[in-house]
C-alpha atoms as a PDB file:
ATOM      1  CA  MET A   1     -25.167  31.834  59.926  1.00  0.00           C
ATOM      2  CA  ALA A   2     -23.411  34.912  59.644  1.00  0.00           C
ATOM      3  CA  GLY A   3     -19.998  33.833  61.524  1.00  0.00           C
ATOM      4  CA  ASP A   4     -19.851  30.811  59.683  1.00  0.00           C
ATOM      5  CA  ALA A   5     -18.761  32.304  56.634  1.00  0.00           C
ATOM      6  CA  VAL A   6     -15.805  33.760  57.300  1.00  0.00           C
ATOM      7  CA  MET A   7     -13.129  31.680  57.338  1.00  0.00           C
ATOM      8  CA  HIS A   8      -9.861  31.576  59.046  1.00  0.00           C
ATOM      9  CA  ASP A   9      -6.545  30.133  57.576  1.00  0.00           C
ATOM     10  CA  VAL A  10      -4.899  27.877  61.049  1.00  0.00           C
ATOM     11  CA  ARG A  11      -1.641  26.843  61.239  1.00  0.00           C
ATOM     12  CA  VAL A  12      -0.233  24.343  63.646  1.00  0.00           C
ATOM     13  CA  THR A  13       2.157  21.844  64.323  1.00  0.00           C
ATOM     14  CA  VAL A  14       0.112  18.034  65.069  1.00  0.00           C
ATOM     15  CA  ASN A  15       2.921  15.366  66.530  1.00  0.00           C
ATOM     16  CA  GLY A  16       5.846  17.210  64.752  1.00  0.00           C
ATOM     17  CA  VAL A  17       4.266  17.965  60.927  1.00  0.00           C
ATOM     18  CA  GLU A  18       3.235  21.478  60.658  1.00  0.00           C
ATOM     19  CA  ARG A  19      -0.454  21.377  59.455  1.00  0.00           C
ATOM     20  CA  ARG A  20      -2.952  23.722  57.913  1.00  0.00           C
ATOM     21  CA  ALA A  21      -6.533  23.926  57.617  1.00  0.00           C
ATOM     22  CA  ARG A  22      -9.692  26.982  56.079  1.00  0.00           C
ATOM     23  CA  VAL A  23     -12.168  27.007  59.136  1.00  0.00           C
ATOM     24  CA  ILE A  24     -15.198  28.452  60.840  1.00  0.00           C
ATOM     25  CA  PRO A  25     -13.920  30.898  64.117  1.00  0.00           C
ATOM     26  CA  ARG A  26     -16.510  28.424  65.944  1.00  0.00           C
ATOM     27  CA  MET A  27     -14.670  25.042  65.820  1.00  0.00           C
ATOM     28  CA  LEU A  28     -13.089  23.007  68.163  1.00  0.00           C
ATOM     29  CA  LEU A  29      -9.610  22.086  68.487  1.00  0.00           C
ATOM     30  CA  ALA A  30     -10.896  18.080  69.029  1.00  0.00           C
ATOM     31  CA  ASP A  31     -13.273  18.491  65.748  1.00  0.00           C
ATOM     32  CA  LEU A  32      -9.720  20.346  63.547  1.00  0.00           C
ATOM     33  CA  LEU A  33      -7.643  17.556  65.110  1.00  0.00           C
ATOM     34  CA  ARG A  34     -10.645  14.744  64.637  1.00  0.00           C
ATOM     35  CA  GLU A  35     -12.560  16.268  60.741  1.00  0.00           C
ATOM     36  CA  GLU A  36      -9.697  17.887  59.364  1.00  0.00           C
ATOM     37  CA  PHE A  37      -6.675  15.893  60.237  1.00  0.00           C
ATOM     38  CA  GLY A  38      -8.259  12.630  60.508  1.00  0.00           C
ATOM     39  CA  LEU A  39      -6.779  12.143  63.987  1.00  0.00           C
ATOM     40  CA  THR A  40      -9.636  10.076  65.885  1.00  0.00           C
ATOM     41  CA  GLY A  41      -7.537   9.260  69.233  1.00  0.00           C
ATOM     42  CA  THR A  42      -8.692  12.507  70.240  1.00  0.00           C
ATOM     43  CA  HIS A  43     -12.280  11.263  72.142  1.00  0.00           C
ATOM     44  CA  LEU A  44     -15.086  13.642  72.573  1.00  0.00           C
ATOM     45  CA  GLY A  45     -17.411  12.721  75.067  1.00  0.00           C
ATOM     46  CA  CYS A  46     -19.195  15.241  77.792  1.00  0.00           C
ATOM     47  CA  GLU A  47     -17.833  18.528  75.197  1.00  0.00           C
ATOM     48  CA  HIS A  48     -18.215  20.468  78.500  1.00  0.00           C
ATOM     49  CA  GLY A  49     -14.508  19.636  79.272  1.00  0.00           C
ATOM     50  CA  ALA A  50     -15.220  17.565  82.631  1.00  0.00           C
ATOM     51  CA  CYS A  51     -13.890  14.002  81.335  1.00  0.00           C
ATOM     52  CA  GLY A  52     -11.340  14.671  80.125  1.00  0.00           C
ATOM     53  CA  ALA A  53     -11.130  12.060  77.400  1.00  0.00           C
ATOM     54  CA  CYS A  54     -10.171  14.843  74.367  1.00  0.00           C
ATOM     55  CA  THR A  55      -7.161  15.711  76.529  1.00  0.00           C
ATOM     56  CA  VAL A  56      -4.272  16.909  74.398  1.00  0.00           C
ATOM     57  CA  LEU A  57      -0.857  18.396  74.876  1.00  0.00           C
ATOM     58  CA  LEU A  58      -1.189  22.071  73.718  1.00  0.00           C
ATOM     59  CA  ASP A  59       2.736  23.818  73.799  1.00  0.00           C
ATOM     60  CA  GLY A  60       3.307  20.542  75.815  1.00  0.00           C
ATOM     61  CA  ALA A  61       0.374  21.418  78.821  1.00  0.00           C
ATOM     62  CA  PRO A  62      -2.645  19.396  79.118  1.00  0.00           C
ATOM     63  CA  THR A  63      -5.900  21.239  77.329  1.00  0.00           C
ATOM     64  CA  ARG A  64      -9.379  20.223  76.244  1.00  0.00           C
ATOM     65  CA  SER A  65      -9.799  20.472  73.328  1.00  0.00           C
ATOM     66  CA  CYS A  66     -13.495  20.166  73.510  1.00  0.00           C
ATOM     67  CA  LEU A  67     -12.738  23.632  74.727  1.00  0.00           C
ATOM     68  CA  VAL A  68     -10.061  25.529  72.710  1.00  0.00           C
ATOM     69  CA  PHE A  69     -11.198  26.778  69.157  1.00  0.00           C
ATOM     70  CA  ALA A  70      -8.852  25.957  66.394  1.00  0.00           C
ATOM     71  CA  VAL A  71      -8.427  29.582  65.670  1.00  0.00           C
ATOM     72  CA  GLN A  72      -6.842  29.793  68.991  1.00  0.00           C
ATOM     73  CA  VAL A  73      -4.687  27.260  68.311  1.00  0.00           C
ATOM     74  CA  ASP A  74      -2.922  29.149  65.673  1.00  0.00           C
ATOM     75  CA  GLY A  75       0.953  28.725  65.195  1.00  0.00           C
ATOM     76  CA  GLY A  76       0.930  26.271  68.153  1.00  0.00           C
ATOM     77  CA  ARG A  77       2.036  23.234  68.772  1.00  0.00           C
ATOM     78  CA  VAL A  78      -0.140  20.185  69.754  1.00  0.00           C
ATOM     79  CA  GLU A  79       0.348  16.007  70.689  1.00  0.00           C
ATOM     80  CA  THR A  80      -1.952  13.567  70.335  1.00  0.00           C
ATOM     81  CA  VAL A  81      -1.821   9.806  71.665  1.00  0.00           C
ATOM     82  CA  GLU A  82      -1.254   9.371  67.560  1.00  0.00           C
ATOM     83  CA  GLY A  83       2.429  10.438  67.937  1.00  0.00           C
ATOM     84  CA  LEU A  84       3.187   8.872  71.174  1.00  0.00           C
ATOM     85  CA  ALA A  85       4.351   5.947  69.492  1.00  0.00           C
ATOM     86  CA  THR A  86       7.509   5.554  67.670  1.00  0.00           C
ATOM     87  CA  PRO A  87       7.485   2.764  64.450  1.00  0.00           C
ATOM     88  CA  GLY A  88       7.336  -0.480  66.112  1.00  0.00           C
ATOM     89  CA  ALA A  89       7.464   0.496  70.173  1.00  0.00           C
ATOM     90  CA  LEU A  90       5.028   1.765  71.597  1.00  0.00           C
ATOM     91  CA  HIS A  91       5.498   4.626  74.147  1.00  0.00           C
ATOM     92  CA  PRO A  92       6.488   3.316  77.598  1.00  0.00           C
ATOM     93  CA  LEU A  93       2.784   4.885  79.082  1.00  0.00           C
ATOM     94  CA  GLN A  94       0.997   2.331  76.457  1.00  0.00           C
ATOM     95  CA  GLU A  95       3.344  -0.432  76.811  1.00  0.00           C
ATOM     96  CA  ALA A  96       2.288   0.236  80.687  1.00  0.00           C
ATOM     97  CA  PHE A  97      -1.105   0.457  80.001  1.00  0.00           C
ATOM     98  CA  ARG A  98      -1.370  -2.809  78.160  1.00  0.00           C
ATOM     99  CA  THR A  99       0.985  -4.742  80.437  1.00  0.00           C
ATOM    100  CA  ARG A 100      -1.302  -3.847  83.276  1.00  0.00           C
ATOM    101  CA  HIS A 101      -4.397  -3.912  81.699  1.00  0.00           C
ATOM    102  CA  ALA A 102      -5.468   0.127  82.532  1.00  0.00           C
ATOM    103  CA  LEU A 103      -8.641  -0.041  79.803  1.00  0.00           C
ATOM    104  CA  GLN A 104     -11.097  -1.324  79.454  1.00  0.00           C
ATOM    105  CA  CYS A 105     -13.416   0.155  77.152  1.00  0.00           C
ATOM    106  CA  GLY A 106     -10.214   2.995  75.596  1.00  0.00           C
ATOM    107  CA  PHE A 107     -12.434   5.807  75.313  1.00  0.00           C
ATOM    108  CA  CYS A 108     -10.369   7.595  78.467  1.00  0.00           C
ATOM    109  CA  THR A 109      -7.704   6.526  77.604  1.00  0.00           C
ATOM    110  CA  PRO A 110      -6.054   8.981  75.037  1.00  0.00           C
ATOM    111  CA  GLY A 111      -6.594  11.534  77.691  1.00  0.00           C
ATOM    112  CA  MET A 112      -4.830  10.060  80.154  1.00  0.00           C
ATOM    113  CA  LEU A 113      -2.232   9.372  78.706  1.00  0.00           C
ATOM    114  CA  MET A 114      -1.624  12.124  77.452  1.00  0.00           C
ATOM    115  CA  THR A 115      -2.302  13.431  80.976  1.00  0.00           C
ATOM    116  CA  LEU A 116       0.263  11.204  82.006  1.00  0.00           C
ATOM    117  CA  THR A 117       2.993  11.785  79.404  1.00  0.00           C
ATOM    118  CA  ALA A 118       2.956  16.225  80.411  1.00  0.00           C
ATOM    119  CA  TYR A 119       3.309  15.314  83.998  1.00  0.00           C
ATOM    120  CA  LEU A 120       5.912  12.550  83.534  1.00  0.00           C
ATOM    121  CA  ARG A 121       7.965  14.977  81.533  1.00  0.00           C
ATOM    122  CA  GLU A 122       8.347  17.142  84.457  1.00  0.00           C
ATOM    123  CA  HIS A 123       7.756  14.581  87.285  1.00  0.00           C
ATOM    124  CA  SER A 124      10.113  11.698  87.277  1.00  0.00           C
ATOM    125  CA  SER A 125       9.289   9.430  90.133  1.00  0.00           C
ATOM    126  CA  PRO A 126       5.478  10.327  91.039  1.00  0.00           C
ATOM    127  CA  THR A 127       3.577   8.554  94.131  1.00  0.00           C
ATOM    128  CA  GLU A 128       0.421   6.414  93.372  1.00  0.00           C
ATOM    129  CA  SER A 129      -1.238   9.774  95.773  1.00  0.00           C
ATOM    130  CA  ASP A 130       0.133  11.962  92.541  1.00  0.00           C
ATOM    131  CA  ILE A 131      -0.894   9.689  89.618  1.00  0.00           C
ATOM    132  CA  ARG A 132      -3.515   9.646  91.532  1.00  0.00           C
ATOM    133  CA  GLU A 133      -4.273  13.331  91.909  1.00  0.00           C
ATOM    134  CA  ILE A 134      -2.986  14.697  88.299  1.00  0.00           C
ATOM    135  CA  LEU A 135      -5.468  11.790  86.816  1.00  0.00           C
ATOM    136  CA  SER A 136      -7.997  13.013  89.193  1.00  0.00           C
ATOM    137  CA  GLY A 137      -9.535  14.874  85.931  1.00  0.00           C
ATOM    138  CA  ASN A 138     -10.364  11.979  83.911  1.00  0.00           C
ATOM    139  CA  LEU A 139     -13.482  10.193  83.900  1.00  0.00           C
ATOM    140  CA  CYS A 140     -13.451   6.693  84.070  1.00  0.00           C
ATOM    141  CA  ARG A 141     -16.527   4.462  83.693  1.00  0.00           C
ATOM    142  CA  CYS A 142     -14.859   0.972  83.103  1.00  0.00           C
ATOM    143  CA  THR A 143     -12.269   1.004  85.588  1.00  0.00           C
ATOM    144  CA  GLY A 144     -10.892   0.884  89.025  1.00  0.00           C
ATOM    145  CA  TYR A 145      -8.401   2.882  88.307  1.00  0.00           C
ATOM    146  CA  GLN A 146      -5.964   0.780  90.460  1.00  0.00           C
ATOM    147  CA  ASN A 147      -4.234  -0.849  87.079  1.00  0.00           C
ATOM    148  CA  ILE A 148      -4.177   2.912  85.045  1.00  0.00           C
ATOM    149  CA  VAL A 149      -1.794   3.948  88.654  1.00  0.00           C
ATOM    150  CA  GLN A 150       0.090   0.885  88.453  1.00  0.00           C
ATOM    151  CA  ALA A 151       0.703   1.816  84.763  1.00  0.00           C
ATOM    152  CA  GLY A 152       1.564   5.327  85.181  1.00  0.00           C
ATOM    153  CA  LEU A 153       3.967   4.250  87.757  1.00  0.00           C
ATOM    154  CA  ASP A 154       5.385   1.668  86.153  1.00  0.00           C
ATOM    155  CA  ALA A 155       5.818   4.071  83.235  1.00  0.00           C
ATOM    156  CA  ALA A 156       7.892   6.603  85.871  1.00  0.00           C
ATOM    157  CA  ALA A 157      10.409   3.893  86.181  1.00  0.00           C
ATOM    158  CA  ALA A 158      10.584   2.334  82.481  1.00  0.00           C
ATOM    159  CA  LEU A 159      11.161   6.081  81.743  1.00  0.00           C
ATOM    160  CA  ARG A 160      14.085   6.584  84.550  1.00  0.00           C
ATOM    161  CA  ALA A 161      15.494   3.446  83.394  1.00  0.00           C
ATOM    162  CA  ALA A 162      15.704   4.613  79.380  1.00  0.00           C
ATOM    163  CA  GLY A 163      17.673   7.406  81.191  1.00  0.00           C
ATOM    164  CA  ALA A 164      15.428  10.601  79.872  1.00  0.00           C
ATOM    165  CA  PRO A 165      10.940  11.370  79.548  1.00  0.00           C
ATOM    166  CA  ARG A 166       9.486  11.496  76.184  1.00  0.00           C
END
């Protein structure tokens, strides 16, 4: 394919670390993260932007990484689920998901965590309805969402108690 012969240099800050890669124009951000950078926490589900499993934060906004080309993030800032925890400590959302048993197979969990991370940075006191609404674009086939919603509420409370969103 003629388009594959043209390569582009991409520089992106991922989880606070500047990374570079040489990519074909049609490489997706999800593939860049998984294949070039080894960050396999970003999962590919539907590859149509409908399921939310591949959600990452692009310049702070939840973004379906299966719908964005790697060349589009040149110079941008990406946060993945791997960047949530700190050495020796889970992020409050991860801890709440663990405590509330808010996952089963875990395939959708990274996308939900990233969606909720962005939301909780802007909304410190969400209601159950707010959490359900923000997660309406993240599909899970294993759970009934109740524990996921409760985990989001618990994490919001923990973040408020800590005094600063993460």
